[in-house]
Protein backbone atom coordinates (compact mmCIF):
# COMPACT_ATOMS: atom_id res chain seq x y z
CA MET A 1 -0.06 -0.14 -0.39
CA PRO A 2 1.69 3.65 -0.81
CA ASN A 3 2.71 5.72 1.24
CA PRO A 4 -0.38 8.22 2.68
CA MET A 5 -0.41 11.34 1.01
CA PRO A 6 -1.27 14.93 1.47
CA ILE A 7 -4.27 15.54 2.15
CA ALA A 8 -5.12 19.09 -0.37
CA THR A 9 -4.80 15.90 -3.06
CA ALA A 10 -7.56 13.56 -1.45
CA PRO A 11 -10.53 13.44 -4.26
CA LYS A 12 -13.02 15.80 -3.36
CA ASN A 13 -15.90 13.95 -5.38
CA GLY A 14 -17.96 11.43 -3.31
CA ILE A 15 -15.07 8.95 -3.20
CA LYS A 16 -14.50 7.70 0.04
CA VAL A 17 -11.14 7.04 1.04
CA ARG A 18 -8.62 5.88 3.69
CA ALA A 19 -8.01 9.08 5.65
CA PHE A 20 -5.11 9.77 8.87
CA TRP A 21 -6.34 12.03 11.34
CA THR A 22 -5.13 13.57 14.90
CA ASP A 23 -8.40 14.22 17.73
CA ALA A 24 -8.26 16.94 20.54
CA ASP A 25 -6.73 14.63 22.89
CA GLY A 26 -3.81 13.96 20.54
CA GLN A 27 -4.45 10.65 19.82
CA GLU A 28 -3.48 9.34 15.46
CA ASN A 29 -7.08 7.71 14.09
CA GLU A 30 -7.45 6.09 10.96
CA SER A 31 -10.76 6.37 9.18
CA ILE A 32 -12.72 5.63 6.25
CA ALA A 33 -13.61 9.03 4.82
CA GLN A 34 -15.18 11.13 2.32
CA TYR A 35 -15.47 14.61 1.21
CA ARG A 36 -18.93 16.79 1.63
CA SER A 37 -19.60 19.45 -0.66
CA ALA A 38 -22.42 21.97 -0.53
CA GLU A 39 -23.69 20.45 -3.76
CA MET A 40 -23.85 16.63 -2.47
CA LEU A 41 -25.00 17.78 0.62
CA GLN A 42 -28.50 19.72 -1.03
CA ALA A 43 -28.60 15.84 -3.34
CA LEU A 44 -28.87 14.21 -0.72
CA GLY A 45 -31.99 16.60 0.12
CA GLY A 46 -30.14 18.91 2.91
CA ASP A 47 -29.49 22.69 2.52
CA GLY A 48 -26.19 22.61 2.68
CA ASP A 49 -25.32 24.35 5.30
CA ALA A 50 -21.63 25.32 5.18
CA ASN A 51 -20.42 23.40 8.58
CA ASP A 52 -21.58 20.09 7.14
CA ILE A 53 -19.07 21.01 4.48
CA GLY A 54 -15.87 19.17 4.85
CA TRP A 55 -14.44 15.64 5.92
CA TRP A 56 -16.48 12.85 7.39
CA ALA A 57 -15.44 9.21 9.05
CA PHE A 58 -17.60 7.23 10.84
CA VAL A 59 -15.56 6.95 14.49
CA ASP A 60 -18.20 3.84 15.44
CA SER A 61 -20.49 1.79 13.89
CA HIS A 62 -22.93 4.30 14.58
CA THR A 63 -21.50 7.66 14.86
CA GLN A 64 -20.62 10.40 11.51
CA ARG A 65 -18.33 13.28 12.93
CA LYS A 66 -16.70 16.31 10.96
CA ILE A 67 -12.75 15.64 11.05
CA GLU A 68 -9.79 17.54 9.44
CA PRO A 69 -7.44 15.01 8.00
CA HIS A 70 -4.11 15.76 7.49
CA SER A 71 -3.53 12.50 4.95
CA TRP A 72 -5.38 10.03 2.73
CA LYS A 73 -4.97 6.58 0.90
CA PRO A 74 -6.79 5.31 -1.55
CA LEU A 75 -8.97 1.70 -1.02
CA ASN A 76 -8.20 -0.73 -2.07
CA GLY A 77 -12.35 -1.81 -2.69
CA GLU A 78 -12.65 -3.47 0.50
CA GLU A 79 -14.85 -0.83 1.60
CA ASP A 80 -16.16 0.57 -1.49
CA ASP A 81 -19.93 -0.08 -0.27
CA GLU A 82 -19.98 1.52 3.03
């Protein structure tokens, strides 16, 4: 698997990626994440609130959270249908 790349190079078209981010406690995390643009949110029936635009990840099996990743890797296809 390739080394993580800077998050600025990650796709922002709704493709899920493996994101690496640091939480408020300084813990390094790895999650499957997706960038949600205003257009994507509106297409899903939302109002496109500016606070909802950005990278989102499941932090457990029931909870999604907006994150600030620093790097990413492409998925190998094993989680494409999540």
